[in-house]
Amino acid sequence: MIIRLLIPLVALVLFFLESNFALFSPLEWGDRTIYLVPRFLILYLIFIAVYYDRKRAMQYGLVFGILFDVFYLNIIGLYTVLYPAICFVAAWAVHYVHHHLAITTSLAIVLMSVFEFLLYQFFRLISYTTMPFDTFFYDRLLPTIGANLIFLVMLGWIFKYLSSVRVLQRIEEGR
């Protein structure tokens, strides 16, 4: 029973932690301004989609996408569409690869990079940002990948454990 409540609770905590960690960005490093964008929630949702349940991950993605759009963004619907879409792609892609933690971590980092790139392209399309692609790539995307990879290396095994325990709990409840 506690695991059933713990999975959405962790998602809620990560939702609020993202904004707290965003306060550390941008960083001045030499003559460059580096942006570290925490994407903890989408990484967690990818792990839920891979190790637990695609449908549940997409539902959480929809709910937290709406919350993100309402609280942090002036454009309603962007995260609401992208979060479930990334979860769907993660669940689809995992059918073709092994469920090993290193593979899932790599998949999560790639999908998070796609997520960041789609956001960048959308904001360029509506002229919300004028950042050139090379600046985006070197000063935002690569540092974001590095920071979120460190986060996944530290906590990815916990995400996998939570999801796996919940799957085992569902199997036992079905007996």
Protein backbone atom coordinates (compact mmCIF):
# COMPACT_ATOMS: atom_id res chain seq x y z
CA MET A 1 0.00 0.00 0.00
CA ILE A 2 2.77 2.44 0.86
CA ILE A 3 4.45 1.95 -2.53
CA ARG A 4 1.20 2.81 -4.29
CA LEU A 5 1.28 6.22 -2.60
CA LEU A 6 5.05 6.63 -2.72
CA ILE A 7 5.32 6.69 -6.52
CA PRO A 8 3.10 9.78 -7.03
CA LEU A 9 4.53 11.38 -3.88
CA VAL A 10 8.06 11.13 -5.30
CA ALA A 11 6.79 12.69 -8.54
CA LEU A 12 5.25 15.56 -6.57
CA VAL A 13 8.46 16.13 -4.60
CA LEU A 14 10.49 16.14 -7.84
CA PHE A 15 8.04 18.60 -9.38
CA PHE A 16 8.73 21.07 -6.57
CA LEU A 17 12.47 20.33 -6.41
CA GLU A 18 12.92 21.28 -10.05
CA SER A 19 12.06 24.88 -9.34
CA ASN A 20 14.37 24.96 -6.31
CA PHE A 21 17.32 23.59 -8.28
CA ALA A 22 16.59 26.02 -11.11
CA LEU A 23 17.57 28.81 -8.73
CA PHE A 24 21.22 27.71 -9.11
CA SER A 25 21.15 28.57 -12.81
CA PRO A 26 22.57 30.40 -14.73
CA LEU A 27 26.18 30.02 -13.74
CA GLU A 28 29.03 32.21 -14.85
CA TRP A 29 32.00 30.14 -15.95
CA GLY A 30 34.80 32.24 -17.35
CA ASP A 31 33.26 34.38 -20.06
CA ARG A 32 30.30 32.03 -20.62
CA THR A 33 26.88 31.85 -19.03
CA ILE A 34 25.87 28.23 -18.48
CA TYR A 35 22.29 27.14 -17.91
CA LEU A 36 21.56 24.00 -15.89
CA VAL A 37 17.93 23.03 -16.34
CA PRO A 38 16.76 20.36 -13.88
CA ARG A 39 14.51 17.81 -15.58
CA PHE A 40 14.02 15.47 -12.64
CA LEU A 41 10.33 14.85 -13.17
CA ILE A 42 10.52 13.79 -16.82
CA LEU A 43 13.42 11.48 -15.99
CA TYR A 44 11.35 9.90 -13.23
CA LEU A 45 8.35 9.56 -15.53
CA ILE A 46 10.54 7.80 -18.09
CA PHE A 47 11.60 5.31 -15.43
CA ILE A 48 7.95 4.75 -14.50
CA ALA A 49 7.11 4.18 -18.17
CA VAL A 50 9.94 1.67 -18.56
CA TYR A 51 9.76 -0.26 -15.29
CA TYR A 52 6.20 0.15 -14.09
CA ASP A 53 3.37 1.04 -16.47
CA ARG A 54 3.22 3.14 -19.64
CA LYS A 55 -0.39 4.15 -19.07
CA ARG A 56 0.27 5.29 -15.50
CA ALA A 57 3.37 7.23 -16.57
CA MET A 58 1.36 8.99 -19.27
CA GLN A 59 -1.37 9.84 -16.76
CA TYR A 60 1.19 11.29 -14.35
CA GLY A 61 2.78 13.12 -17.28
CA LEU A 62 -0.55 14.66 -18.23
CA VAL A 63 -1.31 15.79 -14.68
CA PHE A 64 2.15 17.19 -14.00
CA GLY A 65 2.30 18.70 -17.49
CA ILE A 66 -0.86 20.65 -16.76
CA LEU A 67 0.54 21.70 -13.38
CA PHE A 68 3.81 22.79 -14.97
CA ASP A 69 2.02 24.79 -17.66
CA VAL A 70 -0.25 26.48 -15.13
CA PHE A 71 2.38 27.32 -12.50
CA TYR A 72 5.56 27.96 -14.49
CA LEU A 73 4.69 28.73 -18.10
CA ASN A 74 2.48 31.20 -19.91
CA ILE A 75 1.78 28.71 -22.70
CA ILE A 76 -0.86 26.18 -21.70
CA GLY A 77 -0.50 22.80 -23.33
CA LEU A 78 3.19 22.54 -24.15
CA TYR A 79 4.28 20.38 -21.23
CA THR A 80 0.81 18.80 -21.14
CA VAL A 81 1.52 17.29 -24.55
CA LEU A 82 5.26 16.69 -24.27
CA TYR A 83 5.36 14.85 -20.93
CA PRO A 84 2.95 12.06 -21.97
CA ALA A 85 4.50 11.90 -25.46
CA ILE A 86 7.99 11.36 -24.02
CA CYS A 87 6.60 8.67 -21.69
CA PHE A 88 4.95 6.94 -24.65
CA VAL A 89 8.16 7.00 -26.68
CA ALA A 90 10.12 5.63 -23.70
CA ALA A 91 7.71 2.73 -23.26
CA TRP A 92 7.74 2.03 -26.98
CA ALA A 93 11.54 2.17 -27.28
CA VAL A 94 12.12 -0.15 -24.34
CA HIS A 95 10.46 -2.99 -26.25
CA TYR A 96 13.51 -3.06 -28.51
CA VAL A 97 16.24 -2.86 -25.87
CA HIS A 98 17.13 -4.60 -22.61
CA HIS A 99 15.69 -3.26 -19.34
CA HIS A 100 19.12 -2.79 -17.80
CA LEU A 101 19.58 0.30 -15.63
CA ALA A 102 22.42 1.66 -17.79
CA ILE A 103 20.33 1.31 -20.94
CA THR A 104 17.33 2.97 -19.30
CA THR A 105 19.54 5.79 -18.02
CA SER A 106 20.92 6.34 -21.51
CA LEU A 107 17.43 6.25 -22.99
CA ALA A 108 16.22 8.75 -20.38
CA ILE A 109 19.09 11.14 -21.15
CA VAL A 110 18.45 10.90 -24.90
CA LEU A 111 14.72 11.50 -24.45
CA MET A 112 15.37 14.40 -22.08
CA SER A 113 17.66 15.89 -24.75
CA VAL A 114 14.89 15.49 -27.33
CA PHE A 115 12.51 17.13 -24.87
CA GLU A 116 14.86 20.10 -24.43
CA PHE A 117 15.40 20.38 -28.17
CA LEU A 118 11.64 20.37 -28.86
CA LEU A 119 11.12 23.08 -26.25
CA TYR A 120 13.90 25.13 -27.79
CA GLN A 121 12.46 24.73 -31.29
CA PHE A 122 8.98 25.68 -30.14
CA PHE A 123 10.23 28.77 -28.34
CA ARG A 124 12.24 29.73 -31.43
CA LEU A 125 9.17 29.24 -33.60
CA ILE A 126 7.06 31.66 -31.57
CA SER A 127 10.04 34.04 -31.12
CA TYR A 128 10.08 33.57 -27.34
CA THR A 129 13.85 33.10 -27.50
CA THR A 130 16.49 34.37 -29.89
CA MET A 131 19.26 32.10 -28.66
CA PRO A 132 21.26 30.70 -31.59
CA PHE A 133 21.53 26.92 -31.84
CA ASP A 134 25.24 26.74 -31.02
CA THR A 135 24.69 28.76 -27.84
CA PHE A 136 21.74 26.52 -26.95
CA PHE A 137 23.79 23.40 -27.58
CA TYR A 138 26.99 24.36 -25.74
CA ASP A 139 25.65 26.60 -22.97
CA ARG A 140 22.31 24.95 -22.20
CA LEU A 141 21.87 21.44 -23.60
CA LEU A 142 25.26 19.93 -22.75
CA PRO A 143 25.35 21.32 -19.17
CA THR A 144 21.74 20.20 -18.68
CA ILE A 145 22.62 16.70 -19.87
CA GLY A 146 25.58 16.59 -17.50
CA ALA A 147 23.65 17.81 -14.47
CA ASN A 148 20.71 15.48 -15.06
CA LEU A 149 23.04 12.55 -15.73
CA ILE A 150 24.61 13.10 -12.31
CA PHE A 151 21.11 13.15 -10.83
CA LEU A 152 20.22 9.86 -12.56
CA VAL A 153 23.46 8.17 -11.54
CA MET A 154 22.67 9.05 -7.92
CA LEU A 155 18.94 8.24 -7.92
CA GLY A 156 18.17 6.11 -10.98
CA TRP A 157 18.51 2.84 -9.08
CA ILE A 158 15.98 4.12 -6.50
CA PHE A 159 13.53 4.95 -9.29
CA LYS A 160 13.97 1.46 -10.69
CA TYR A 161 13.53 -0.10 -7.26
CA LEU A 162 10.30 1.82 -6.55
CA SER A 163 8.83 0.83 -9.89
CA SER A 164 9.89 -2.81 -9.59
CA VAL A 165 8.51 -3.13 -6.06
CA ARG A 166 5.18 -1.71 -7.23
CA VAL A 167 5.04 -4.20 -10.11
CA LEU A 168 5.65 -7.05 -7.64
CA GLN A 169 3.00 -5.62 -5.33
CA ARG A 170 0.47 -5.54 -8.20
CA ILE A 171 1.26 -9.17 -9.04
CA GLU A 172 0.68 -10.23 -5.43
CA GLU A 173 -2.59 -8.27 -5.26
CA GLY A 174 -3.80 -10.08 -8.37
CA ARG A 175 -3.48 -13.49 -6.73
